[in-house]
N, C-alpha and C. Protein backbone atom coordinates (compact mmCIF):
# COMPACT_ATOMS: atom_id res chain seq x y z
N UNK A 1 122.86 154.37 102.06
CA UNK A 1 123.17 154.07 100.89
C UNK A 1 124.53 153.97 100.79
N UNK A 2 125.13 152.95 100.26
CA UNK A 2 126.59 152.97 99.87
C UNK A 2 127.33 154.09 98.99
N UNK A 3 128.08 154.47 99.19
CA UNK A 3 128.86 155.48 98.36
C UNK A 3 128.93 155.36 97.22
N UNK A 4 129.33 153.72 96.47
CA UNK A 4 129.29 153.53 95.33
C UNK A 4 128.03 153.45 94.42
N UNK A 5 127.13 153.27 95.47
CA UNK A 5 125.72 153.00 94.55
C UNK A 5 125.24 154.41 94.38
N UNK A 6 125.23 155.65 95.34
CA UNK A 6 125.44 156.94 95.20
C UNK A 6 125.97 157.53 94.14
N UNK A 7 127.24 157.12 94.10
CA UNK A 7 127.93 157.85 92.52
C UNK A 7 127.45 157.12 91.07
N UNK A 8 126.74 155.43 91.13
CA UNK A 8 126.21 155.42 90.13
C UNK A 8 125.26 155.96 90.05
N UNK A 9 124.30 156.01 90.71
CA UNK A 9 123.17 156.53 90.67
C UNK A 9 123.15 158.15 90.41
N UNK A 10 124.19 158.91 91.06
CA UNK A 10 124.44 160.18 90.14
C UNK A 10 124.97 160.65 89.36
N UNK A 11 126.01 159.74 88.83
CA UNK A 11 126.54 159.60 87.15
C UNK A 11 125.02 159.01 86.38
N UNK A 12 124.03 158.26 86.37
CA UNK A 12 123.20 157.67 85.88
C UNK A 12 122.26 158.99 85.42
N UNK A 13 122.03 159.93 86.60
CA UNK A 13 121.12 160.97 86.35
C UNK A 13 121.26 162.09 85.55
N UNK A 14 122.89 162.33 85.98
CA UNK A 14 123.62 163.40 85.02
C UNK A 14 123.64 163.13 83.47
N UNK A 15 124.06 161.29 83.20
CA UNK A 15 124.10 161.13 81.73
C UNK A 15 122.72 160.91 81.24
N UNK A 16 121.68 160.61 82.02
CA UNK A 16 120.48 160.54 81.62
C UNK A 16 119.89 161.94 80.72
N UNK A 17 120.03 162.86 81.93
CA UNK A 17 119.95 164.52 81.45
C UNK A 17 120.60 164.82 80.62
N UNK A 18 121.61 164.83 80.09
CA UNK A 18 122.50 165.07 79.49
C UNK A 18 121.88 164.36 78.00
N UNK A 19 121.75 163.35 77.49
CA UNK A 19 121.35 162.51 76.59
C UNK A 19 120.07 162.67 76.36
N UNK A 20 119.08 163.27 77.25
CA UNK A 20 118.11 163.93 77.13
C UNK A 20 117.82 165.26 75.97
N UNK A 21 119.00 165.55 76.67
CA UNK A 21 118.94 167.38 75.99
C UNK A 21 119.85 167.24 74.53
N UNK A 22 120.76 166.07 74.13
CA UNK A 22 121.42 165.89 73.13
C UNK A 22 120.74 165.10 72.28
N UNK A 23 119.91 164.61 72.38
CA UNK A 23 118.73 163.71 71.26
C UNK A 23 117.84 164.53 71.01
N UNK A 24 117.38 165.64 71.88
CA UNK A 24 116.47 166.75 71.40
C UNK A 24 117.03 167.76 70.23
N UNK A 25 118.56 167.75 70.86
CA UNK A 25 118.97 168.51 69.71
C UNK A 25 119.56 168.39 68.62
N UNK A 26 119.81 166.77 68.44
CA UNK A 26 120.06 166.43 67.22
C UNK A 26 118.77 166.12 66.33
N UNK A 27 117.80 166.25 66.93
CA UNK A 27 116.07 165.88 66.60
C UNK A 27 115.65 167.95 65.86
N UNK A 28 116.23 168.71 66.80
CA UNK A 28 115.79 169.97 66.40
C UNK A 28 117.04 170.27 65.36
N UNK A 29 117.85 169.61 65.34
CA UNK A 29 118.90 169.98 63.90
C UNK A 29 118.34 169.46 62.76
N UNK A 30 117.97 168.23 63.13
CA UNK A 30 117.27 167.65 61.65
C UNK A 30 116.28 168.20 61.24
N UNK A 31 115.25 168.71 62.28
CA UNK A 31 114.19 168.87 61.88
C UNK A 31 114.29 170.60 61.05
N UNK A 32 115.44 171.22 61.14
CA UNK A 32 115.36 172.32 60.83
C UNK A 32 114.48 173.41 61.48
N UNK A 33 114.78 173.48 62.92
CA UNK A 33 113.41 174.19 63.64
C UNK A 33 113.87 175.28 63.82
N UNK A 34 115.14 175.91 63.60
CA UNK A 34 115.58 177.22 63.96
C UNK A 34 115.76 177.25 65.16
N UNK A 35 115.41 176.81 66.17
CA UNK A 35 116.08 177.30 67.30
C UNK A 35 117.06 176.04 67.95
N UNK A 36 117.44 176.38 69.09
CA UNK A 36 117.83 175.16 69.87
C UNK A 36 117.26 174.66 70.77
N UNK A 37 117.59 173.59 71.73
CA UNK A 37 116.83 173.38 72.75
C UNK A 37 116.58 174.14 73.93
N UNK A 38 117.64 175.37 74.42
CA UNK A 38 117.83 176.02 75.13
C UNK A 38 116.93 177.09 74.73
N UNK A 39 116.88 177.33 73.50
CA UNK A 39 115.89 178.83 72.60
C UNK A 39 114.78 178.16 73.19
N UNK A 40 114.39 176.83 72.62
CA UNK A 40 113.25 176.54 72.73
C UNK A 40 112.43 176.57 74.44
N UNK A 41 113.58 176.05 75.24
CA UNK A 41 113.13 176.00 76.67
C UNK A 41 112.52 177.99 77.07
N UNK A 42 113.56 178.78 76.34
CA UNK A 42 113.14 180.09 77.00
C UNK A 42 111.24 180.56 76.18
N UNK A 43 111.54 179.90 74.91
CA UNK A 43 110.16 180.44 74.30
C UNK A 43 109.06 179.76 74.85
N UNK A 44 109.03 178.39 75.23
CA UNK A 44 107.78 177.68 75.86
C UNK A 44 107.67 178.41 77.15
N UNK A 45 108.76 179.09 77.68
CA UNK A 45 108.15 179.55 79.36
C UNK A 45 107.64 180.75 78.88
N UNK A 46 107.95 181.48 77.75
CA UNK A 46 107.35 182.78 77.62
C UNK A 46 106.06 182.63 77.10
N UNK A 47 105.64 181.58 76.56
CA UNK A 47 104.14 181.35 75.68
C UNK A 47 103.49 181.44 76.94
N UNK A 48 104.11 180.71 78.17
CA UNK A 48 103.21 180.08 79.56
C UNK A 48 103.11 181.74 80.43
N UNK A 49 103.74 182.42 80.01
CA UNK A 49 104.07 183.75 80.97
C UNK A 49 104.05 184.83 80.56
N UNK A 50 103.12 185.50 80.74
CA UNK A 50 103.00 187.08 80.08
C UNK A 50 103.79 188.11 80.89
N UNK A 51 104.50 189.02 80.64
CA UNK A 51 105.32 189.93 80.73
C UNK A 51 106.01 189.66 82.19
N UNK A 52 106.71 188.83 81.64
CA UNK A 52 107.87 188.50 82.67
C UNK A 52 109.43 189.41 82.83
N UNK A 53 109.85 189.50 83.98
CA UNK A 53 110.97 190.00 83.85
C UNK A 53 112.23 189.30 83.43
N UNK A 54 113.33 189.78 82.71
CA UNK A 54 114.41 189.28 82.32
C UNK A 54 114.89 188.12 83.52
N UNK A 55 114.87 188.41 84.63
CA UNK A 55 115.45 187.54 86.14
C UNK A 55 114.34 186.69 86.70
N UNK A 56 113.10 187.28 86.57
CA UNK A 56 112.24 185.95 86.91
C UNK A 56 112.40 184.83 85.92
N UNK A 57 112.47 185.53 84.37
CA UNK A 57 112.63 184.27 83.00
C UNK A 57 113.55 183.58 83.50
N UNK A 58 114.92 183.78 83.98
CA UNK A 58 116.28 183.28 84.19
C UNK A 58 116.17 182.20 85.28
N UNK A 59 115.05 182.31 86.23
CA UNK A 59 115.03 181.90 87.69
C UNK A 59 114.25 180.65 86.95
N UNK A 60 112.78 180.84 86.34
CA UNK A 60 111.87 179.95 85.70
C UNK A 60 112.90 178.76 85.00
N UNK A 61 113.86 179.38 83.87
CA UNK A 61 114.51 178.77 82.79
C UNK A 61 115.47 177.87 83.33
N UNK A 62 115.66 178.26 84.81
CA UNK A 62 117.35 177.45 85.18
C UNK A 62 118.53 177.81 84.81
N UNK A 63 118.14 179.35 84.29
CA UNK A 63 119.81 179.83 83.39
C UNK A 63 120.02 181.04 84.54
N UNK A 64 121.62 181.16 84.40
CA UNK A 64 121.68 182.17 84.91
C UNK A 64 121.62 183.42 83.96
N UNK A 65 121.58 184.73 84.55
CA UNK A 65 121.57 186.00 84.19
C UNK A 65 122.12 185.92 82.61
N UNK A 66 123.73 185.78 82.62
CA UNK A 66 124.60 185.77 81.54
C UNK A 66 123.96 185.29 80.57
N UNK A 67 123.55 183.92 80.60
CA UNK A 67 123.60 182.70 79.70
C UNK A 67 121.64 183.05 79.03
N UNK A 68 121.01 183.70 79.91
CA UNK A 68 119.42 184.05 79.43
C UNK A 68 119.49 185.43 78.42
N UNK A 69 120.80 186.21 79.10
CA UNK A 69 120.59 187.18 78.07
C UNK A 69 121.16 186.88 76.60
N UNK A 70 122.28 186.03 76.77
CA UNK A 70 123.01 185.81 75.30
C UNK A 70 121.50 184.70 74.66
N UNK A 71 120.96 184.26 75.20
CA UNK A 71 119.52 183.15 74.48
C UNK A 71 118.72 184.25 74.08
N UNK A 72 118.56 185.72 74.48
CA UNK A 72 117.42 186.38 74.53
C UNK A 72 117.92 187.69 72.91
N UNK A 73 119.18 187.19 73.21
CA UNK A 73 119.88 188.22 72.09
C UNK A 73 119.19 187.62 70.90
N UNK A 74 119.86 186.19 70.86
CA UNK A 74 119.51 185.45 69.84
C UNK A 74 117.99 185.59 69.15
N UNK A 75 117.04 185.15 70.30
CA UNK A 75 115.67 185.40 70.06
C UNK A 75 115.19 186.62 69.56
N UNK A 76 116.07 187.87 69.82
CA UNK A 76 115.55 189.03 69.52
C UNK A 76 116.08 189.35 68.07
N UNK A 77 117.06 188.98 67.76
CA UNK A 77 117.57 189.04 66.16
C UNK A 77 116.79 187.73 65.77
N UNK A 78 116.44 186.89 65.88
CA UNK A 78 115.47 185.83 65.25
C UNK A 78 114.26 186.71 64.90
N UNK A 79 113.49 187.52 65.46
CA UNK A 79 112.32 188.08 65.57
C UNK A 79 111.33 187.29 66.48
N UNK A 80 111.49 186.29 67.59
CA UNK A 80 110.65 185.88 68.59
C UNK A 80 110.46 186.25 69.64
N UNK A 81 111.31 187.24 70.10
CA UNK A 81 110.91 187.79 71.31
C UNK A 81 111.14 189.17 71.31
N UNK A 82 110.48 189.91 72.25
CA UNK A 82 110.67 191.47 72.56
C UNK A 82 111.12 191.87 73.98
N UNK A 83 111.63 192.91 73.96
CA UNK A 83 112.48 193.25 75.41
C UNK A 83 111.34 194.60 75.33
N UNK A 84 110.94 195.19 76.56
CA UNK A 84 110.62 196.60 76.86
C UNK A 84 111.36 196.74 78.15
N UNK A 85 111.05 198.04 78.38
CA UNK A 85 112.24 198.68 79.52
C UNK A 85 110.64 198.63 80.50
N UNK A 86 111.46 197.72 81.62
CA UNK A 86 110.06 197.75 82.80
C UNK A 86 110.13 199.21 83.43
N UNK A 87 108.61 199.39 83.45
CA UNK A 87 107.78 200.84 83.66
C UNK A 87 108.39 201.37 85.03
N UNK A 88 108.48 200.34 86.25
CA UNK A 88 108.90 200.72 87.34
C UNK A 88 110.58 200.79 87.50
N UNK A 89 111.19 200.00 86.86
CA UNK A 89 113.02 199.73 87.32
C UNK A 89 113.06 200.10 85.80
N UNK A 90 114.07 201.08 85.30
CA UNK A 90 114.78 201.28 84.00
C UNK A 90 115.63 200.68 83.60
N UNK A 91 116.51 199.91 84.76
CA UNK A 91 117.41 198.59 84.85
C UNK A 91 117.13 197.67 84.09
N UNK A 92 115.93 197.25 84.23
CA UNK A 92 115.30 195.97 83.90
C UNK A 92 114.55 196.01 83.10
N UNK A 93 114.16 194.32 82.44
CA UNK A 93 113.20 194.30 81.05
C UNK A 93 112.17 193.49 81.02
N UNK A 94 111.44 193.92 80.24
CA UNK A 94 110.35 192.66 80.74
C UNK A 94 110.20 192.26 79.32
N UNK A 95 109.99 190.59 79.07
CA UNK A 95 110.22 189.80 78.08
C UNK A 95 108.83 189.35 77.78
N UNK A 96 109.03 189.37 76.48
CA UNK A 96 107.61 188.34 75.88
C UNK A 96 107.65 187.98 74.41
N UNK A 97 106.64 187.27 74.26
CA UNK A 97 106.82 186.69 72.59
C UNK A 97 106.39 187.83 71.62
N UNK A 98 107.21 187.95 70.60
CA UNK A 98 106.57 188.62 69.41
C UNK A 98 105.57 187.62 68.76
N UNK A 99 104.42 188.04 68.05
CA UNK A 99 103.60 187.35 66.99
C UNK A 99 104.27 186.23 66.32
N UNK A 100 105.67 186.68 65.93
CA UNK A 100 106.45 185.20 65.23
C UNK A 100 106.60 184.18 66.32
N UNK A 101 107.24 184.70 67.34
CA UNK A 101 107.26 183.75 68.57
C UNK A 101 106.14 182.75 69.09
N UNK A 102 104.92 183.28 68.93
CA UNK A 102 104.05 182.59 69.35
C UNK A 102 104.00 181.37 68.02
N UNK A 103 103.83 181.93 66.79
CA UNK A 103 103.38 181.33 65.54
C UNK A 103 104.77 179.87 65.81
N UNK A 104 106.16 180.53 66.19
CA UNK A 104 106.87 179.24 66.00
C UNK A 104 106.98 178.26 67.49
N UNK A 105 106.35 178.87 68.41
CA UNK A 105 106.05 177.72 69.68
C UNK A 105 104.64 176.90 68.63
N UNK A 106 103.71 177.52 68.42
CA UNK A 106 102.47 176.61 68.23
C UNK A 106 103.37 175.45 67.01
N UNK A 107 103.80 175.78 65.87
CA UNK A 107 104.39 175.34 65.31
C UNK A 107 105.26 174.07 65.38
N UNK A 108 106.26 174.23 66.42
CA UNK A 108 107.11 173.21 67.04
C UNK A 108 106.49 172.63 67.91
N UNK A 109 105.08 172.86 68.86
CA UNK A 109 104.82 172.13 70.00
C UNK A 109 104.85 170.28 69.82
N UNK A 110 104.11 170.38 68.67
CA UNK A 110 103.75 168.95 68.52
C UNK A 110 105.05 168.16 67.94
N UNK A 111 106.24 168.68 67.21
CA UNK A 111 106.87 168.18 67.17
C UNK A 111 107.96 167.81 68.48
N UNK A 112 108.16 168.96 69.44
CA UNK A 112 108.98 168.76 70.46
C UNK A 112 108.14 167.35 71.58
N UNK A 113 106.70 167.58 71.26
CA UNK A 113 105.85 166.45 71.99
C UNK A 113 106.45 165.07 71.89
N UNK A 114 106.51 164.89 70.65
CA UNK A 114 107.02 163.73 69.52
C UNK A 114 108.15 163.50 70.18
N UNK A 115 109.39 164.33 70.27
CA UNK A 115 110.97 164.02 70.48
C UNK A 115 110.61 163.70 72.24
N UNK A 116 109.57 164.60 72.75
CA UNK A 116 109.88 163.86 74.58
C UNK A 116 109.31 162.42 74.50
N UNK A 117 108.28 162.10 73.68
CA UNK A 117 107.73 160.95 74.04
C UNK A 117 108.86 159.38 73.50
N UNK A 118 109.80 160.10 73.00
CA UNK A 118 110.60 159.21 72.70
C UNK A 118 111.27 158.38 73.97
N UNK A 119 111.46 159.44 75.11
CA UNK A 119 112.26 159.19 76.17
C UNK A 119 111.33 158.12 77.25
N UNK A 120 109.92 158.30 76.55
CA UNK A 120 109.07 157.44 77.71
C UNK A 120 108.41 156.07 76.83
N UNK A 121 108.82 155.63 75.89
CA UNK A 121 108.48 154.39 75.02
C UNK A 121 109.15 153.34 75.94
N UNK A 122 108.25 152.13 76.42
CA UNK A 122 108.94 151.17 76.65
C UNK A 122 108.32 151.28 78.77
N UNK A 123 107.96 152.42 78.66
CA UNK A 123 107.85 152.63 80.31
C UNK A 123 105.91 152.65 80.49
N UNK A 124 105.55 152.10 81.51
CA UNK A 124 104.33 152.26 81.51
C UNK A 124 103.79 153.31 82.85
N UNK A 125 102.27 153.73 83.22
CA UNK A 125 102.29 154.31 84.18
C UNK A 125 103.00 154.43 85.50
N UNK A 126 103.22 153.41 85.73
CA UNK A 126 103.51 153.06 87.18
C UNK A 126 105.05 153.88 87.50
N UNK A 127 105.80 153.66 86.23
CA UNK A 127 106.99 153.56 85.78
C UNK A 127 107.06 155.14 85.94
N UNK A 128 106.50 155.77 85.53
CA UNK A 128 106.01 157.06 85.15
C UNK A 128 105.88 157.87 86.38
N UNK A 129 104.95 156.90 87.14
CA UNK A 129 104.67 157.80 88.88
C UNK A 129 105.72 157.66 89.72
N UNK A 130 106.58 156.41 89.58
CA UNK A 130 107.54 156.30 90.53
C UNK A 130 108.71 157.06 90.16
N UNK A 131 109.27 157.53 88.79
CA UNK A 131 110.16 158.27 88.29
C UNK A 131 109.85 159.68 88.68
N UNK A 132 108.72 160.46 88.60
CA UNK A 132 107.92 161.66 88.93
C UNK A 132 108.42 161.66 90.67
N UNK A 133 107.88 161.01 91.30
CA UNK A 133 107.99 160.94 92.61
C UNK A 133 109.53 161.12 93.19
N UNK A 134 110.19 160.24 92.54
CA UNK A 134 111.51 160.22 92.92
C UNK A 134 112.36 161.69 92.53
N UNK A 135 112.03 161.86 91.32
CA UNK A 135 112.66 163.36 91.15
C UNK A 135 111.94 164.35 91.44
N UNK A 136 110.71 164.40 92.11
CA UNK A 136 110.67 165.58 92.94
C UNK A 136 111.04 165.72 94.25
N UNK A 137 111.48 164.61 94.47
CA UNK A 137 111.71 164.15 95.69
C UNK A 137 113.28 164.94 95.86
N UNK A 138 114.50 164.50 95.20
CA UNK A 138 115.35 164.98 94.84
C UNK A 138 115.42 166.36 94.27
N UNK A 139 114.38 167.18 93.62
CA UNK A 139 114.46 168.27 93.31
C UNK A 139 114.13 169.12 95.13
N UNK A 140 112.98 169.03 95.59
CA UNK A 140 113.06 169.47 96.76
C UNK A 140 114.05 169.47 97.94
N UNK A 141 115.02 168.28 97.81
CA UNK A 141 116.18 167.99 98.75
C UNK A 141 117.13 169.35 98.21
N UNK A 142 116.94 169.51 97.16
CA UNK A 142 118.04 170.75 96.50
C UNK A 142 117.47 172.28 96.43
N UNK A 143 116.09 172.03 97.02
CA UNK A 143 115.67 173.73 96.85
C UNK A 143 116.60 174.48 97.27
N UNK A 144 117.02 175.66 96.59
CA UNK A 144 118.02 176.49 97.09
C UNK A 144 117.57 177.59 98.43
N UNK A 145 116.31 177.57 98.44
CA UNK A 145 115.94 178.43 99.75
C UNK A 145 115.99 177.41 101.14
N UNK A 146 116.26 176.13 100.79
CA UNK A 146 116.35 175.23 102.09
C UNK A 146 117.43 175.83 102.99
N UNK A 147 117.24 175.81 104.29
CA UNK A 147 118.10 176.41 105.40
C UNK A 147 118.70 175.31 106.25
N UNK A 148 120.06 174.79 105.72
CA UNK A 148 120.73 173.83 105.93
C UNK A 148 121.63 174.05 107.26
């Protein structure tokens, strides 16, 4: 691949990811959801995973530790998340959704699904399969545990 093509595709990938997130955040703001897109990602991951450490959650969400800590601090203040000290490591926390957090996820899931569907308008199943294959390949190429 020519360097110019590579640069163009890399820029398009970056811009598209940014636009998806920006569009979603605007919709979250318009809908007065009470959380940001990043906070939603944490809530959704917690909803799918029980009793996870903060470190594991950071990895799952693709966030560094300080960023996740800030997000969790806000979610705890809002009453959506609870932290408890890890029984085997007093320096570590176990994170889980509160009842209010589970209710928030249930409330927002249909809205978030609708927001995500906007990105898929005018695409057919073949487009989706091609995109999924390409993104999975890029993701695997960049796995942190690859030995270069």
